[in-house]
Amino acid sequence: MDGRLSYSSNTNGDKSLTSTNILKYIDGDSIGKFAFVSLPYKSMGGSNGFGDASIGLGPRGRSGNLHWIAYGGLTLPTGDSGLGNNRYDKKLGIYTTYLTKDKKLEDIKK
C-alpha cells in the first residue's frame, strides 16, 4: 500500500488537494509482475469526493543494481461529479531505480 498527498494550483486560481491510496502487487526478483489499483480522494473548489480510479499491470525486473517496472494502465471515469474527467485514459510508463552496490545512498543513519 502506498499513500500520496498532493497539492496543485493553476493560473486560473483553481486549487486542489488530493490524497491517493495505491494498492500494489509485486512479485519476482530478477523478473516478475507488477500491478496496481489507485483511488484518489479530492478536495477542489468546495467539492470533496473520489476522483477517477486507475488500474495497471506489467513486467518488472532487475539487472544488477538497476531495477525497473514497465506498465500499461487505464484511468476509469469513476470520479464524483466535477472531480473526474468523464473519459477513459490509457497510460504507458516505466520506472527505474538504481541502487548503489554498498547501498550507502539508500541507508538513512539516525
PDB file of N, CA and C in Angstrom:
ATOM      1  N   MET A   1       0.854  -1.171   0.000  1.00  0.00           N
ATOM      2  CA  MET A   1       0.000   0.000   0.000  1.00  0.00           C
ATOM      3  C   MET A   1       0.897   1.230   0.000  1.00  0.00           C
ATOM      4  N   ASP A   2       0.536   2.181  -0.802  1.00  0.00           N
ATOM      5  CA  ASP A   2       1.293   3.417  -0.930  1.00  0.00           C
ATOM      6  C   ASP A   2       0.305   4.565  -0.768  1.00  0.00           C
ATOM      7  N   GLY A   3       0.647   5.582  -0.022  1.00  0.00           N
ATOM      8  CA  GLY A   3      -0.201   6.758   0.138  1.00  0.00           C
ATOM      9  C   GLY A   3       0.510   7.998  -0.354  1.00  0.00           C
ATOM     10  N   ARG A   4      -0.197   8.845  -1.069  1.00  0.00           N
ATOM     11  CA  ARG A   4       0.392  10.089  -1.602  1.00  0.00           C
ATOM     12  C   ARG A   4      -0.548  11.248  -1.343  1.00  0.00           C
ATOM     13  N   LEU A   5       0.017  12.392  -1.048  1.00  0.00           N
ATOM     14  CA  LEU A   5      -0.743  13.618  -0.833  1.00  0.00           C
ATOM     15  C   LEU A   5      -0.156  14.674  -1.749  1.00  0.00           C
ATOM     16  N   SER A   6      -1.004  15.324  -2.555  1.00  0.00           N
ATOM     17  CA  SER A   6      -0.503  16.345  -3.480  1.00  0.00           C
ATOM     18  C   SER A   6      -1.402  17.574  -3.462  1.00  0.00           C
ATOM     19  N   TYR A   7      -0.781  18.716  -3.718  1.00  0.00           N
ATOM     20  CA  TYR A   7      -1.477  19.999  -3.808  1.00  0.00           C
ATOM     21  C   TYR A   7      -1.140  20.592  -5.160  1.00  0.00           C
ATOM     22  N   SER A   8      -2.121  21.180  -5.824  1.00  0.00           N
ATOM     23  CA  SER A   8      -1.848  21.852  -7.093  1.00  0.00           C
ATOM     24  C   SER A   8      -2.697  23.108  -7.224  1.00  0.00           C
ATOM     25  N   SER A   9      -2.177  24.046  -7.993  1.00  0.00           N
ATOM     26  CA  SER A   9      -2.927  25.261  -8.343  1.00  0.00           C
ATOM     27  C   SER A   9      -2.532  25.632  -9.768  1.00  0.00           C
ATOM     28  N   ASN A  10      -3.426  26.362 -10.448  1.00  0.00           N
ATOM     29  CA  ASN A  10      -3.116  26.771 -11.818  1.00  0.00           C
ATOM     30  C   ASN A  10      -3.300  28.273 -11.973  1.00  0.00           C
ATOM     31  N   THR A  11      -3.070  28.771 -13.185  1.00  0.00           N
ATOM     32  CA  THR A  11      -3.148  30.209 -13.435  1.00  0.00           C
ATOM     33  C   THR A  11      -4.572  30.750 -13.351  1.00  0.00           C
ATOM     34  N   ASN A  12      -5.578  29.872 -13.397  1.00  0.00           N
ATOM     35  CA  ASN A  12      -6.971  30.297 -13.244  1.00  0.00           C
ATOM     36  C   ASN A  12      -7.368  30.452 -11.780  1.00  0.00           C
ATOM     37  N   GLY A  13      -6.458  30.104 -10.876  1.00  0.00           N
ATOM     38  CA  GLY A  13      -6.771  30.186  -9.452  1.00  0.00           C
ATOM     39  C   GLY A  13      -7.404  28.937  -8.891  1.00  0.00           C
ATOM     40  N   ASP A  14      -7.525  27.884  -9.710  1.00  0.00           N
ATOM     41  CA  ASP A  14      -8.064  26.608  -9.233  1.00  0.00           C
ATOM     42  C   ASP A  14      -7.039  25.925  -8.350  1.00  0.00           C
ATOM     43  N   LYS A  15      -7.480  25.436  -7.204  1.00  0.00           N
ATOM     44  CA  LYS A  15      -6.599  24.746  -6.272  1.00  0.00           C
ATOM     45  C   LYS A  15      -7.212  23.409  -5.906  1.00  0.00           C
ATOM     46  N   SER A  16      -6.355  22.405  -5.716  1.00  0.00           N
ATOM     47  CA  SER A  16      -6.868  21.100  -5.311  1.00  0.00           C
ATOM     48  C   SER A  16      -5.881  20.418  -4.370  1.00  0.00           C
ATOM     49  N   LEU A  17      -6.435  19.637  -3.483  1.00  0.00           N
ATOM     50  CA  LEU A  17      -5.672  18.793  -2.570  1.00  0.00           C
ATOM     51  C   LEU A  17      -6.157  17.368  -2.824  1.00  0.00           C
ATOM     52  N   THR A  18      -5.219  16.462  -3.106  1.00  0.00           N
ATOM     53  CA  THR A  18      -5.589  15.093  -3.451  1.00  0.00           C
ATOM     54  C   THR A  18      -4.819  14.102  -2.587  1.00  0.00           C
ATOM     55  N   SER A  19      -5.552  13.189  -1.984  1.00  0.00           N
ATOM     56  CA  SER A  19      -4.970  12.080  -1.231  1.00  0.00           C
ATOM     57  C   SER A  19      -5.230  10.816  -2.043  1.00  0.00           C
ATOM     58  N   THR A  20      -4.159  10.111  -2.415  1.00  0.00           N
ATOM     59  CA  THR A  20      -4.299   8.930  -3.254  1.00  0.00           C
ATOM     60  C   THR A  20      -3.787   7.690  -2.532  1.00  0.00           C
ATOM     61  N   ASN A  21      -4.602   6.660  -2.480  1.00  0.00           N
ATOM     62  CA  ASN A  21      -4.196   5.357  -1.947  1.00  0.00           C
ATOM     63  C   ASN A  21      -3.957   4.422  -3.117  1.00  0.00           C
ATOM     64  N   ILE A  22      -2.796   3.761  -3.105  1.00  0.00           N
ATOM     65  CA  ILE A  22      -2.419   2.876  -4.198  1.00  0.00           C
ATOM     66  C   ILE A  22      -2.133   1.487  -3.631  1.00  0.00           C
ATOM     67  N   LEU A  23      -2.905   0.522  -4.064  1.00  0.00           N
ATOM     68  CA  LEU A  23      -2.686  -0.868  -3.693  1.00  0.00           C
ATOM     69  C   LEU A  23      -1.797  -1.485  -4.767  1.00  0.00           C
ATOM     70  N   LYS A  24      -0.659  -2.070  -4.345  1.00  0.00           N
ATOM     71  CA  LYS A  24       0.306  -2.615  -5.298  1.00  0.00           C
ATOM     72  C   LYS A  24       0.505  -4.105  -5.084  1.00  0.00           C
ATOM     73  N   TYR A  25       0.800  -4.796  -6.181  1.00  0.00           N
ATOM     74  CA  TYR A  25       1.203  -6.196  -6.141  1.00  0.00           C
ATOM     75  C   TYR A  25       2.534  -6.297  -6.882  1.00  0.00           C
ATOM     76  N   ILE A  26       3.533  -6.856  -6.221  1.00  0.00           N
ATOM     77  CA  ILE A  26       4.856  -7.008  -6.825  1.00  0.00           C
ATOM     78  C   ILE A  26       5.350  -8.419  -6.504  1.00  0.00           C
ATOM     79  N   ASP A  27       5.844  -9.138  -7.519  1.00  0.00           N
ATOM     80  CA  ASP A  27       6.473 -10.435  -7.241  1.00  0.00           C
ATOM     81  C   ASP A  27       7.724 -10.585  -8.091  1.00  0.00           C
ATOM     82  N   GLY A  28       8.519 -11.600  -7.780  1.00  0.00           N
ATOM     83  CA  GLY A  28       9.736 -11.875  -8.520  1.00  0.00           C
ATOM     84  C   GLY A  28      10.880 -10.980  -8.106  1.00  0.00           C
ATOM     85  N   ASP A  29      12.082 -11.354  -8.525  1.00  0.00           N
ATOM     86  CA  ASP A  29      13.258 -10.552  -8.225  1.00  0.00           C
ATOM     87  C   ASP A  29      13.927 -10.116  -9.522  1.00  0.00           C
ATOM     88  N   SER A  30      14.572 -11.038 -10.228  1.00  0.00           N
ATOM     89  CA  SER A  30      15.219 -10.635 -11.475  1.00  0.00           C
ATOM     90  C   SER A  30      14.195 -10.429 -12.587  1.00  0.00           C
ATOM     91  N   ILE A  31      13.030 -11.084 -12.479  1.00  0.00           N
ATOM     92  CA  ILE A  31      11.910 -10.847 -13.403  1.00  0.00           C
ATOM     93  C   ILE A  31      10.624 -11.194 -12.656  1.00  0.00           C
ATOM     94  N   GLY A  32       9.576 -10.440 -12.890  1.00  0.00           N
ATOM     95  CA  GLY A  32       8.333 -10.682 -12.167  1.00  0.00           C
ATOM     96  C   GLY A  32       7.194  -9.852 -12.720  1.00  0.00           C
ATOM     97  N   LYS A  33       6.160  -9.666 -11.897  1.00  0.00           N
ATOM     98  CA  LYS A  33       4.962  -8.917 -12.303  1.00  0.00           C
ATOM     99  C   LYS A  33       4.726  -7.757 -11.347  1.00  0.00           C
ATOM    100  N   PHE A  34       4.053  -6.729 -11.867  1.00  0.00           N
ATOM    101  CA  PHE A  34       3.687  -5.551 -11.104  1.00  0.00           C
ATOM    102  C   PHE A  34       2.258  -5.184 -11.482  1.00  0.00           C
ATOM    103  N   ALA A  35       1.430  -4.873 -10.490  1.00  0.00           N
ATOM    104  CA  ALA A  35       0.059  -4.421 -10.760  1.00  0.00           C
ATOM    105  C   ALA A  35      -0.334  -3.394  -9.703  1.00  0.00           C
ATOM    106  N   PHE A  36      -1.265  -2.507 -10.071  1.00  0.00           N
ATOM    107  CA  PHE A  36      -1.709  -1.501  -9.106  1.00  0.00           C
ATOM    108  C   PHE A  36      -3.161  -1.116  -9.343  1.00  0.00           C
ATOM    109  N   VAL A  37      -3.790  -0.634  -8.275  1.00  0.00           N
ATOM    110  CA  VAL A  37      -5.107  -0.008  -8.306  1.00  0.00           C
ATOM    111  C   VAL A  37      -4.957   1.284  -7.519  1.00  0.00           C
ATOM    112  N   SER A  38      -5.365   2.388  -8.097  1.00  0.00           N
ATOM    113  CA  SER A  38      -5.193   3.705  -7.480  1.00  0.00           C
ATOM    114  C   SER A  38      -6.541   4.401  -7.361  1.00  0.00           C
ATOM    115  N   LEU A  39      -6.839   4.930  -6.173  1.00  0.00           N
ATOM    116  CA  LEU A  39      -8.103   5.635  -5.944  1.00  0.00           C
ATOM    117  C   LEU A  39      -7.835   6.953  -5.223  1.00  0.00           C
ATOM    118  N   PRO A  40      -7.990   8.083  -5.920  1.00  0.00           N
ATOM    119  CA  PRO A  40      -7.755   9.387  -5.288  1.00  0.00           C
ATOM    120  C   PRO A  40      -9.011   9.953  -4.629  1.00  0.00           C
ATOM    121  N   TYR A  41      -8.815  10.697  -3.558  1.00  0.00           N
ATOM    122  CA  TYR A  41      -9.889  11.455  -2.914  1.00  0.00           C
ATOM    123  C   TYR A  41      -9.497  12.915  -3.039  1.00  0.00           C
ATOM    124  N   LYS A  42     -10.374  13.747  -3.620  1.00  0.00           N
ATOM    125  CA  LYS A  42     -10.029  15.133  -3.949  1.00  0.00           C
ATOM    126  C   LYS A  42     -10.852  16.134  -3.160  1.00  0.00           C
ATOM    127  N   SER A  43     -10.225  17.274  -2.921  1.00  0.00           N
ATOM    128  CA  SER A  43     -10.888  18.442  -2.368  1.00  0.00           C
ATOM    129  C   SER A  43     -10.552  19.589  -3.314  1.00  0.00           C
ATOM    130  N   MET A  44     -11.577  20.067  -4.047  1.00  0.00           N
ATOM    131  CA  MET A  44     -11.312  21.057  -5.093  1.00  0.00           C
ATOM    132  C   MET A  44     -12.479  22.021  -5.219  1.00  0.00           C
ATOM    133  N   GLY A  45     -12.220  23.290  -5.027  1.00  0.00           N
ATOM    134  CA  GLY A  45     -13.238  24.314  -5.210  1.00  0.00           C
ATOM    135  C   GLY A  45     -14.501  24.105  -4.393  1.00  0.00           C
ATOM    136  N   GLY A  46     -14.357  23.653  -3.169  1.00  0.00           N
ATOM    137  CA  GLY A  46     -15.522  23.425  -2.318  1.00  0.00           C
ATOM    138  C   GLY A  46     -16.175  22.072  -2.511  1.00  0.00           C
ATOM    139  N   SER A  47     -15.713  21.289  -3.489  1.00  0.00           N
ATOM    140  CA  SER A  47     -16.232  19.936  -3.715  1.00  0.00           C
ATOM    141  C   SER A  47     -15.255  18.913  -3.153  1.00  0.00           C
ATOM    142  N   ASN A  48     -15.778  17.889  -2.511  1.00  0.00           N
ATOM    143  CA  ASN A  48     -14.971  16.797  -1.983  1.00  0.00           C
ATOM    144  C   ASN A  48     -15.532  15.489  -2.495  1.00  0.00           C
ATOM    145  N   GLY A  49     -14.665  14.547  -2.814  1.00  0.00           N
ATOM    146  CA  GLY A  49     -15.133  13.239  -3.243  1.00  0.00           C
ATOM    147  C   GLY A  49     -14.048  12.477  -3.977  1.00  0.00           C
ATOM    148  N   PHE A  50     -14.426  11.344  -4.516  1.00  0.00           N
ATOM    149  CA  PHE A  50     -13.472  10.493  -5.208  1.00  0.00           C
ATOM    150  C   PHE A  50     -13.212  10.974  -6.626  1.00  0.00           C
ATOM    151  N   GLY A  51     -11.946  10.887  -7.033  1.00  0.00           N
ATOM    152  CA  GLY A  51     -11.553  11.147  -8.409  1.00  0.00           C
ATOM    153  C   GLY A  51     -11.616   9.847  -9.198  1.00  0.00           C
ATOM    154  N   ASP A  52     -11.063   9.852 -10.388  1.00  0.00           N
ATOM    155  CA  ASP A  52     -11.082   8.682 -11.258  1.00  0.00           C
ATOM    156  C   ASP A  52     -10.096   7.621 -10.776  1.00  0.00           C
ATOM    157  N   ALA A  53     -10.529   6.372 -10.751  1.00  0.00           N
ATOM    158  CA  ALA A  53      -9.673   5.251 -10.373  1.00  0.00           C
ATOM    159  C   ALA A  53      -8.777   4.870 -11.548  1.00  0.00           C
ATOM    160  N   SER A  54      -7.592   4.348 -11.236  1.00  0.00           N
ATOM    161  CA  SER A  54      -6.665   3.855 -12.255  1.00  0.00           C
ATOM    162  C   SER A  54      -6.253   2.428 -11.922  1.00  0.00           C
ATOM    163  N   ILE A  55      -6.050   1.638 -12.970  1.00  0.00           N
ATOM    164  CA  ILE A  55      -5.542   0.278 -12.820  1.00  0.00           C
ATOM    165  C   ILE A  55      -4.406   0.081 -13.813  1.00  0.00           C
ATOM    166  N   GLY A  56      -3.482  -0.805 -13.491  1.00  0.00           N
ATOM    167  CA  GLY A  56      -2.386  -1.062 -14.411  1.00  0.00           C
ATOM    168  C   GLY A  56      -1.639  -2.323 -14.053  1.00  0.00           C
ATOM    169  N   LEU A  57      -0.872  -2.833 -15.025  1.00  0.00           N
ATOM    170  CA  LEU A  57      -0.042  -4.000 -14.784  1.00  0.00           C
ATOM    171  C   LEU A  57       1.066  -4.066 -15.819  1.00  0.00           C
ATOM    172  N   GLY A  58       2.084  -4.866 -15.496  1.00  0.00           N
ATOM    173  CA  GLY A  58       3.186  -5.047 -16.422  1.00  0.00           C
ATOM    174  C   GLY A  58       4.306  -5.847 -15.801  1.00  0.00           C
ATOM    175  N   PRO A  59       5.397  -6.024 -16.549  1.00  0.00           N
ATOM    176  CA  PRO A  59       6.542  -6.755 -16.036  1.00  0.00           C
ATOM    177  C   PRO A  59       7.440  -5.872 -15.180  1.00  0.00           C
ATOM    178  N   ARG A  60       8.211  -6.524 -14.318  1.00  0.00           N
ATOM    179  CA  ARG A  60       9.217  -5.819 -13.534  1.00  0.00           C
ATOM    180  C   ARG A  60      10.455  -6.681 -13.517  1.00  0.00           C
ATOM    181  N   GLY A  61      11.586  -6.065 -13.256  1.00  0.00           N
ATOM    182  CA  GLY A  61      12.795  -6.868 -13.218  1.00  0.00           C
ATOM    183  C   GLY A  61      13.973  -6.118 -12.652  1.00  0.00           C
ATOM    184  N   ARG A  62      15.099  -6.814 -12.680  1.00  0.00           N
ATOM    185  CA  ARG A  62      16.333  -6.259 -12.139  1.00  0.00           C
ATOM    186  C   ARG A  62      17.483  -6.777 -12.985  1.00  0.00           C
ATOM    187  N   SER A  63      18.399  -5.896 -13.293  1.00  0.00           N
ATOM    188  CA  SER A  63      19.643  -6.257 -13.953  1.00  0.00           C
ATOM    189  C   SER A  63      20.758  -5.660 -13.106  1.00  0.00           C
ATOM    190  N   GLY A  64      21.374  -6.496 -12.288  1.00  0.00           N
ATOM    191  CA  GLY A  64      22.363  -5.989 -11.342  1.00  0.00           C
ATOM    192  C   GLY A  64      21.682  -5.088 -10.330  1.00  0.00           C
ATOM    193  N   ASN A  65      22.125  -3.856 -10.244  1.00  0.00           N
ATOM    194  CA  ASN A  65      21.546  -2.897  -9.293  1.00  0.00           C
ATOM    195  C   ASN A  65      20.491  -1.993  -9.915  1.00  0.00           C
ATOM    196  N   LEU A  66      20.175  -2.199 -11.191  1.00  0.00           N
ATOM    197  CA  LEU A  66      19.151  -1.412 -11.869  1.00  0.00           C
ATOM    198  C   LEU A  66      17.819  -2.160 -11.804  1.00  0.00           C
ATOM    199  N   HIS A  67      16.849  -1.585 -11.123  1.00  0.00           N
ATOM    200  CA  HIS A  67      15.510  -2.155 -11.002  1.00  0.00           C
ATOM    201  C   HIS A  67      14.577  -1.382 -11.928  1.00  0.00           C
ATOM    202  N   TRP A  68      13.630  -2.073 -12.561  1.00  0.00           N
ATOM    203  CA  TRP A  68      12.707  -1.405 -13.487  1.00  0.00           C
ATOM    204  C   TRP A  68      11.306  -2.006 -13.388  1.00  0.00           C
ATOM    205  N   ILE A  69      10.322  -1.175 -13.687  1.00  0.00           N
ATOM    206  CA  ILE A  69       8.916  -1.581 -13.783  1.00  0.00           C
ATOM    207  C   ILE A  69       8.350  -0.898 -15.026  1.00  0.00           C
ATOM    208  N   ALA A  70       7.811  -1.675 -15.943  1.00  0.00           N
ATOM    209  CA  ALA A  70       7.123  -1.132 -17.111  1.00  0.00           C
ATOM    210  C   ALA A  70       5.645  -1.484 -16.952  1.00  0.00           C
ATOM    211  N   TYR A  71       4.763  -0.589 -17.357  1.00  0.00           N
ATOM    212  CA  TYR A  71       3.341  -0.894 -17.158  1.00  0.00           C
ATOM    213  C   TYR A  71       2.470  -0.243 -18.221  1.00  0.00           C
ATOM    214  N   GLY A  72       1.304  -0.830 -18.399  1.00  0.00           N
ATOM    215  CA  GLY A  72       0.226  -0.249 -19.174  1.00  0.00           C
ATOM    216  C   GLY A  72      -0.948  -0.080 -18.221  1.00  0.00           C
ATOM    217  N   GLY A  73      -1.693   0.983 -18.379  1.00  0.00           N
ATOM    218  CA  GLY A  73      -2.780   1.225 -17.437  1.00  0.00           C
ATOM    219  C   GLY A  73      -3.961   1.922 -18.081  1.00  0.00           C
ATOM    220  N   LEU A  74      -5.013   2.026 -17.294  1.00  0.00           N
ATOM    221  CA  LEU A  74      -6.251   2.644 -17.744  1.00  0.00           C
ATOM    222  C   LEU A  74      -6.841   3.452 -16.586  1.00  0.00           C
ATOM    223  N   THR A  75      -7.191   4.706 -16.867  1.00  0.00           N
ATOM    224  CA  THR A  75      -7.917   5.520 -15.897  1.00  0.00           C
ATOM    225  C   THR A  75      -9.397   5.403 -16.240  1.00  0.00           C
ATOM    226  N   LEU A  76     -10.194   5.066 -15.244  1.00  0.00           N
ATOM    227  CA  LEU A  76     -11.623   4.814 -15.434  1.00  0.00           C
ATOM    228  C   LEU A  76     -12.440   6.031 -14.991  1.00  0.00           C
ATOM    229  N   PRO A  77     -13.502   6.392 -15.705  1.00  0.00           N
ATOM    230  CA  PRO A  77     -14.307   7.564 -15.350  1.00  0.00           C
ATOM    231  C   PRO A  77     -15.241   7.274 -14.164  1.00  0.00           C
ATOM    232  N   THR A  78     -14.637   7.072 -12.984  1.00  0.00           N
ATOM    233  CA  THR A  78     -15.398   6.710 -11.787  1.00  0.00           C
ATOM    234  C   THR A  78     -15.546   7.864 -10.801  1.00  0.00           C
ATOM    235  N   GLY A  79     -14.987   9.020 -11.122  1.00  0.00           N
ATOM    236  CA  GLY A  79     -14.970  10.144 -10.196  1.00  0.00           C
ATOM    237  C   GLY A  79     -16.335  10.752  -9.939  1.00  0.00           C
ATOM    238  N   ASP A  80     -16.479  11.308  -8.742  1.00  0.00           N
ATOM    239  CA  ASP A  80     -17.693  12.041  -8.407  1.00  0.00           C
ATOM    240  C   ASP A  80     -17.833  13.253  -9.326  1.00  0.00           C
ATOM    241  N   SER A  81     -19.036  13.774  -9.458  1.00  0.00           N
ATOM    242  CA  SER A  81     -19.330  14.895 -10.355  1.00  0.00           C
ATOM    243  C   SER A  81     -18.369  16.061 -10.125  1.00  0.00           C
ATOM    244  N   GLY A  82     -17.712  16.499 -11.192  1.00  0.00           N
ATOM    245  CA  GLY A  82     -16.791  17.620 -11.131  1.00  0.00           C
ATOM    246  C   GLY A  82     -15.394  17.261 -10.659  1.00  0.00           C
ATOM    247  N   LEU A  83     -15.174  16.027 -10.200  1.00  0.00           N
ATOM    248  CA  LEU A  83     -13.870  15.625  -9.688  1.00  0.00           C
ATOM    249  C   LEU A  83     -13.175  14.586 -10.564  1.00  0.00           C
ATOM    250  N   GLY A  84     -13.842  14.148 -11.606  1.00  0.00           N
ATOM    251  CA  GLY A  84     -13.272  13.206 -12.561  1.00  0.00           C
ATOM    252  C   GLY A  84     -13.230  13.833 -13.940  1.00  0.00           C
ATOM    253  N   ASN A  85     -12.697  13.094 -14.919  1.00  0.00           N
ATOM    254  CA  ASN A  85     -12.589  13.678 -16.262  1.00  0.00           C
ATOM    255  C   ASN A  85     -13.605  13.119 -17.258  1.00  0.00           C
ATOM    256  N   ASN A  86     -14.502  12.221 -16.815  1.00  0.00           N
ATOM    257  CA  ASN A  86     -15.572  11.677 -17.665  1.00  0.00           C
ATOM    258  C   ASN A  86     -15.082  11.019 -18.943  1.00  0.00           C
ATOM    259  N   ARG A  87     -13.925  10.378 -18.882  1.00  0.00           N
ATOM    260  CA  ARG A  87     -13.417   9.663 -20.057  1.00  0.00           C
ATOM    261  C   ARG A  87     -12.440   8.573 -19.606  1.00  0.00           C
ATOM    262  N   TYR A  88     -12.158   7.637 -20.488  1.00  0.00           N
ATOM    263  CA  TYR A  88     -11.145   6.622 -20.275  1.00  0.00           C
ATOM    264  C   TYR A  88      -9.818   7.167 -20.798  1.00  0.00           C
ATOM    265  N   ASP A  89      -8.756   7.044 -20.020  1.00  0.00           N
ATOM    266  CA  ASP A  89      -7.417   7.466 -20.452  1.00  0.00           C
ATOM    267  C   ASP A  89      -6.482   6.259 -20.389  1.00  0.00           C
ATOM    268  N   LYS A  90      -5.696   6.042 -21.450  1.00  0.00           N
ATOM    269  CA  LYS A  90      -4.699   4.974 -21.478  1.00  0.00           C
ATOM    270  C   LYS A  90      -3.355   5.535 -21.027  1.00  0.00           C
ATOM    271  N   LYS A  91      -2.568   4.684 -20.366  1.00  0.00           N
ATOM    272  CA  LYS A  91      -1.252   5.095 -19.874  1.00  0.00           C
ATOM    273  C   LYS A  91      -0.218   4.036 -20.214  1.00  0.00           C
ATOM    274  N   LEU A  92       0.994   4.471 -20.484  1.00  0.00           N
ATOM    275  CA  LEU A  92       2.160   3.605 -20.593  1.00  0.00           C
ATOM    276  C   LEU A  92       3.255   4.268 -19.775  1.00  0.00           C
ATOM    277  N   GLY A  93       4.040   3.484 -19.068  1.00  0.00           N
ATOM    278  CA  GLY A  93       5.095   4.096 -18.276  1.00  0.00           C
ATOM    279  C   GLY A  93       6.187   3.118 -17.911  1.00  0.00           C
ATOM    280  N   ILE A  94       7.285   3.678 -17.448  1.00  0.00           N
ATOM    281  CA  ILE A  94       8.395   2.878 -16.932  1.00  0.00           C
ATOM    282  C   ILE A  94       9.027   3.641 -15.774  1.00  0.00           C
ATOM    283  N   TYR A  95       9.314   2.908 -14.714  1.00  0.00           N
ATOM    284  CA  TYR A  95      10.032   3.446 -13.562  1.00  0.00           C
ATOM    285  C   TYR A  95      11.357   2.720 -13.475  1.00  0.00           C
ATOM    286  N   THR A  96      12.391   3.443 -13.098  1.00  0.00           N
ATOM    287  CA  THR A  96      13.681   2.799 -12.860  1.00  0.00           C
ATOM    288  C   THR A  96      14.261   3.308 -11.546  1.00  0.00           C
ATOM    289  N   THR A  97      15.016   2.445 -10.882  1.00  0.00           N
ATOM    290  CA  THR A  97      15.733   2.800  -9.664  1.00  0.00           C
ATOM    291  C   THR A  97      17.091   2.133  -9.722  1.00  0.00           C
ATOM    292  N   TYR A  98      18.126   2.894  -9.462  1.00  0.00           N
ATOM    293  CA  TYR A  98      19.467   2.327  -9.392  1.00  0.00           C
ATOM    294  C   TYR A  98      19.922   2.357  -7.943  1.00  0.00           C
ATOM    295  N   LEU A  99      20.273   1.196  -7.414  1.00  0.00           N
ATOM    296  CA  LEU A  99      20.783   1.097  -6.053  1.00  0.00           C
ATOM    297  C   LEU A  99      22.298   0.916  -6.120  1.00  0.00           C
ATOM    298  N   THR A 100      23.030   1.704  -5.336  1.00  0.00           N
ATOM    299  CA  THR A 100      24.484   1.564  -5.324  1.00  0.00           C
ATOM    300  C   THR A 100      24.863   0.216  -4.732  1.00  0.00           C
ATOM    301  N   LYS A 101      26.042  -0.277  -5.091  1.00  0.00           N
ATOM    302  CA  LYS A 101      26.462  -1.614  -4.655  1.00  0.00           C
ATOM    303  C   LYS A 101      26.462  -1.756  -3.135  1.00  0.00           C
ATOM    304  N   ASP A 102      26.963  -0.738  -2.441  1.00  0.00           N
ATOM    305  CA  ASP A 102      27.007  -0.827  -0.978  1.00  0.00           C
ATOM    306  C   ASP A 102      25.746  -0.264  -0.318  1.00  0.00           C
ATOM    307  N   LYS A 103      24.811   0.188  -1.138  1.00  0.00           N
ATOM    308  CA  LYS A 103      23.546   0.770  -0.668  1.00  0.00           C
ATOM    309  C   LYS A 103      23.773   1.937   0.305  1.00  0.00           C
ATOM    310  N   LYS A 104      24.920   2.575   0.200  1.00  0.00           N
ATOM    311  CA  LYS A 104      25.266   3.684   1.084  1.00  0.00           C
ATOM    312  C   LYS A 104      24.315   4.863   0.928  1.00  0.00           C
ATOM    313  N   LEU A 105      23.883   5.144  -0.289  1.00  0.00           N
ATOM    314  CA  LEU A 105      22.985   6.276  -0.526  1.00  0.00           C
ATOM    315  C   LEU A 105      21.547   5.981  -0.092  1.00  0.00           C
ATOM    316  N   GLU A 106      21.185   4.702   0.026  1.00  0.00           N
ATOM    317  CA  GLU A 106      19.826   4.331   0.407  1.00  0.00           C
ATOM    318  C   GLU A 106      19.658   4.151   1.913  1.00  0.00           C
ATOM    319  N   ASP A 107      20.748   4.068   2.648  1.00  0.00           N
ATOM    320  CA  ASP A 107      20.710   3.821   4.086  1.00  0.00           C
ATOM    321  C   ASP A 107      20.608   5.145   4.828  1.00  0.00           C
ATOM    322  N   ILE A 108      19.591   5.285   5.647  1.00  0.00           N
ATOM    323  CA  ILE A 108      19.405   6.510   6.440  1.00  0.00           C
ATOM    324  C   ILE A 108      19.941   6.255   7.843  1.00  0.00           C
ATOM    325  N   LYS A 109      20.950   7.014   8.198  1.00  0.00           N
ATOM    326  CA  LYS A 109      21.560   6.880   9.532  1.00  0.00           C
ATOM    327  C   LYS A 109      20.868   7.822  10.490  1.00  0.00           C
ATOM    328  N   LYS A 110      20.640   7.353  11.700  1.00  0.00           N
ATOM    329  CA  LYS A 110      19.991   8.205  12.714  1.00  0.00           C
ATOM    330  C   LYS A 110      21.027   8.749  13.655  1.00  0.00           C
TER     331      LYS A 110
END
